[in-house]
């Protein structure tokens, strides 16, 4: 697991907590912040997947 995947996982967890807290206390702003954090986490995961694919392609060319 590389840095992008770790960052994505952390952002998704933080977002889920914020979103849940926002729903619990009825604060739409906190709920939206949580959704944004979760989306950011997904973007980091995607970036990590792209980096993994690049590494795999480079490794395949070396063989």
N, C-alpha and C. Protein backbone atom coordinates (compact mmCIF):
# COMPACT_ATOMS: atom_id res chain seq x y z
N UNK A 1 0.86 -1.17 0.00
CA UNK A 1 0.00 0.00 0.00
C UNK A 1 0.91 1.24 0.00
N UNK A 2 0.71 2.09 -0.98
CA UNK A 2 1.55 3.28 -1.08
C UNK A 2 0.89 4.48 -0.40
N UNK A 3 1.58 5.58 -0.46
CA UNK A 3 1.13 6.81 0.23
C UNK A 3 -0.25 7.26 -0.22
N UNK A 4 -0.53 7.19 -1.53
CA UNK A 4 -1.83 7.63 -2.04
C UNK A 4 -2.97 6.77 -1.48
N UNK A 5 -2.74 5.47 -1.42
CA UNK A 5 -3.78 4.59 -0.88
C UNK A 5 -4.01 4.85 0.61
N UNK A 6 -2.94 5.08 1.35
CA UNK A 6 -3.08 5.36 2.78
C UNK A 6 -3.83 6.67 2.99
N UNK A 7 -3.45 7.70 2.23
CA UNK A 7 -4.12 9.00 2.32
C UNK A 7 -5.60 8.85 1.96
N UNK A 8 -5.89 8.09 0.92
CA UNK A 8 -7.27 7.87 0.52
C UNK A 8 -8.09 7.17 1.59
N UNK A 9 -7.50 6.17 2.20
CA UNK A 9 -8.19 5.44 3.26
C UNK A 9 -8.47 6.36 4.45
N UNK A 10 -7.49 7.17 4.81
CA UNK A 10 -7.66 8.10 5.94
C UNK A 10 -8.74 9.13 5.64
N UNK A 11 -8.73 9.69 4.43
CA UNK A 11 -9.74 10.69 4.07
C UNK A 11 -11.14 10.08 4.04
N UNK A 12 -11.25 8.86 3.53
CA UNK A 12 -12.56 8.21 3.51
C UNK A 12 -13.08 7.97 4.92
N UNK A 13 -12.20 7.52 5.82
CA UNK A 13 -12.62 7.28 7.20
C UNK A 13 -13.04 8.59 7.87
N UNK A 14 -12.23 9.63 7.68
CA UNK A 14 -12.55 10.93 8.27
C UNK A 14 -13.88 11.44 7.71
N UNK A 15 -14.08 11.25 6.42
CA UNK A 15 -15.32 11.70 5.79
C UNK A 15 -16.53 10.97 6.31
N UNK A 16 -16.39 9.66 6.51
CA UNK A 16 -17.52 8.87 7.02
C UNK A 16 -17.89 9.32 8.43
N UNK A 17 -16.87 9.61 9.23
CA UNK A 17 -17.13 10.08 10.60
C UNK A 17 -17.83 11.43 10.58
N UNK A 18 -17.31 12.36 9.76
CA UNK A 18 -17.92 13.69 9.68
C UNK A 18 -19.36 13.61 9.16
N UNK A 19 -19.54 12.79 8.12
CA UNK A 19 -20.88 12.67 7.54
C UNK A 19 -21.86 12.11 8.57
N UNK A 20 -21.44 11.08 9.29
CA UNK A 20 -22.29 10.49 10.31
C UNK A 20 -22.59 11.47 11.44
N UNK A 21 -21.57 12.21 11.86
CA UNK A 21 -21.77 13.20 12.92
C UNK A 21 -22.71 14.30 12.46
N UNK A 22 -22.54 14.72 11.21
CA UNK A 22 -23.42 15.76 10.67
C UNK A 22 -24.88 15.32 10.64
N UNK A 23 -25.10 14.06 10.25
CA UNK A 23 -26.46 13.53 10.24
C UNK A 23 -27.01 13.44 11.66
N UNK A 24 -26.16 13.00 12.59
CA UNK A 24 -26.58 12.81 13.97
C UNK A 24 -27.00 14.12 14.63
N UNK A 25 -26.21 15.18 14.40
CA UNK A 25 -26.51 16.47 15.06
C UNK A 25 -27.36 17.38 14.18
N UNK A 26 -27.66 16.93 12.96
CA UNK A 26 -28.50 17.72 12.07
C UNK A 26 -27.78 18.91 11.45
N UNK A 27 -26.46 18.81 11.30
CA UNK A 27 -25.67 19.90 10.71
C UNK A 27 -25.31 19.53 9.27
N UNK A 28 -26.02 20.13 8.33
CA UNK A 28 -25.82 19.83 6.91
C UNK A 28 -24.41 20.20 6.44
N UNK A 29 -23.83 21.28 7.00
CA UNK A 29 -22.48 21.69 6.58
C UNK A 29 -21.45 20.62 6.91
N UNK A 30 -21.53 20.06 8.10
CA UNK A 30 -20.59 19.00 8.51
C UNK A 30 -20.83 17.75 7.67
N UNK A 31 -22.07 17.47 7.39
CA UNK A 31 -22.41 16.32 6.56
C UNK A 31 -21.81 16.46 5.15
N UNK A 32 -21.92 17.65 4.58
CA UNK A 32 -21.36 17.91 3.25
C UNK A 32 -19.83 17.83 3.29
N UNK A 33 -19.22 18.36 4.34
CA UNK A 33 -17.76 18.27 4.48
C UNK A 33 -17.33 16.80 4.48
N UNK A 34 -18.09 15.96 5.16
CA UNK A 34 -17.80 14.53 5.19
C UNK A 34 -17.88 13.91 3.82
N UNK A 35 -18.89 14.28 3.06
CA UNK A 35 -19.03 13.75 1.70
C UNK A 35 -17.86 14.20 0.83
N UNK A 36 -17.43 15.44 1.01
CA UNK A 36 -16.29 15.96 0.25
C UNK A 36 -15.02 15.20 0.62
N UNK A 37 -14.82 14.95 1.91
CA UNK A 37 -13.65 14.19 2.36
C UNK A 37 -13.66 12.78 1.77
N UNK A 38 -14.83 12.16 1.74
CA UNK A 38 -14.93 10.82 1.17
C UNK A 38 -14.60 10.84 -0.32
N UNK A 39 -15.05 11.85 -1.04
CA UNK A 39 -14.74 11.97 -2.46
C UNK A 39 -13.24 12.20 -2.67
N UNK A 40 -12.64 13.00 -1.80
CA UNK A 40 -11.20 13.23 -1.87
C UNK A 40 -10.45 11.92 -1.65
N UNK A 41 -10.92 11.14 -0.71
CA UNK A 41 -10.31 9.84 -0.45
C UNK A 41 -10.38 8.92 -1.65
N UNK A 42 -11.51 8.94 -2.33
CA UNK A 42 -11.66 8.13 -3.54
C UNK A 42 -10.69 8.59 -4.62
N UNK A 43 -10.50 9.90 -4.73
CA UNK A 43 -9.57 10.43 -5.72
C UNK A 43 -8.14 9.99 -5.41
N UNK A 44 -7.77 10.00 -4.14
CA UNK A 44 -6.43 9.53 -3.75
C UNK A 44 -6.27 8.05 -4.07
N UNK A 45 -7.30 7.26 -3.84
CA UNK A 45 -7.23 5.84 -4.17
C UNK A 45 -7.06 5.63 -5.66
N UNK A 46 -7.77 6.40 -6.46
CA UNK A 46 -7.64 6.30 -7.90
C UNK A 46 -6.23 6.68 -8.34
N UNK A 47 -5.68 7.73 -7.75
CA UNK A 47 -4.31 8.13 -8.07
C UNK A 47 -3.34 7.02 -7.71
N UNK A 48 -3.57 6.37 -6.59
CA UNK A 48 -2.73 5.25 -6.19
C UNK A 48 -2.83 4.09 -7.16
N UNK A 49 -4.04 3.83 -7.64
CA UNK A 49 -4.24 2.77 -8.63
C UNK A 49 -3.50 3.08 -9.92
N UNK A 50 -3.52 4.34 -10.34
CA UNK A 50 -2.82 4.74 -11.56
C UNK A 50 -1.31 4.55 -11.38
N UNK A 51 -0.80 4.94 -10.22
CA UNK A 51 0.62 4.75 -9.96
C UNK A 51 0.99 3.27 -9.96
N UNK A 52 0.13 2.44 -9.40
CA UNK A 52 0.37 1.00 -9.40
C UNK A 52 0.42 0.46 -10.83
N UNK A 53 -0.51 0.90 -11.65
CA UNK A 53 -0.55 0.46 -13.04
C UNK A 53 0.70 0.91 -13.80
N UNK A 54 1.15 2.14 -13.53
CA UNK A 54 2.36 2.62 -14.17
C UNK A 54 3.56 1.77 -13.77
N UNK A 55 3.66 1.45 -12.48
CA UNK A 55 4.77 0.61 -11.99
C UNK A 55 4.71 -0.77 -12.63
N UNK A 56 3.52 -1.33 -12.70
CA UNK A 56 3.38 -2.67 -13.29
C UNK A 56 3.77 -2.65 -14.76
N UNK A 57 3.36 -1.60 -15.48
CA UNK A 57 3.71 -1.50 -16.90
C UNK A 57 5.21 -1.34 -17.07
N UNK A 58 5.84 -0.53 -16.24
CA UNK A 58 7.29 -0.34 -16.31
C UNK A 58 8.02 -1.65 -16.01
N UNK A 59 7.52 -2.39 -15.01
CA UNK A 59 8.12 -3.68 -14.67
C UNK A 59 7.98 -4.68 -15.82
N UNK A 60 6.84 -4.66 -16.48
CA UNK A 60 6.61 -5.57 -17.60
C UNK A 60 7.55 -5.27 -18.76
N UNK A 61 7.85 -4.00 -18.98
CA UNK A 61 8.76 -3.62 -20.06
C UNK A 61 10.20 -4.05 -19.77
N UNK A 62 10.54 -4.11 -18.49
CA UNK A 62 11.90 -4.49 -18.11
C UNK A 62 12.17 -5.97 -18.34
N UNK A 63 11.11 -6.77 -18.37
CA UNK A 63 11.27 -8.24 -18.50
C UNK A 63 11.49 -8.65 -19.91
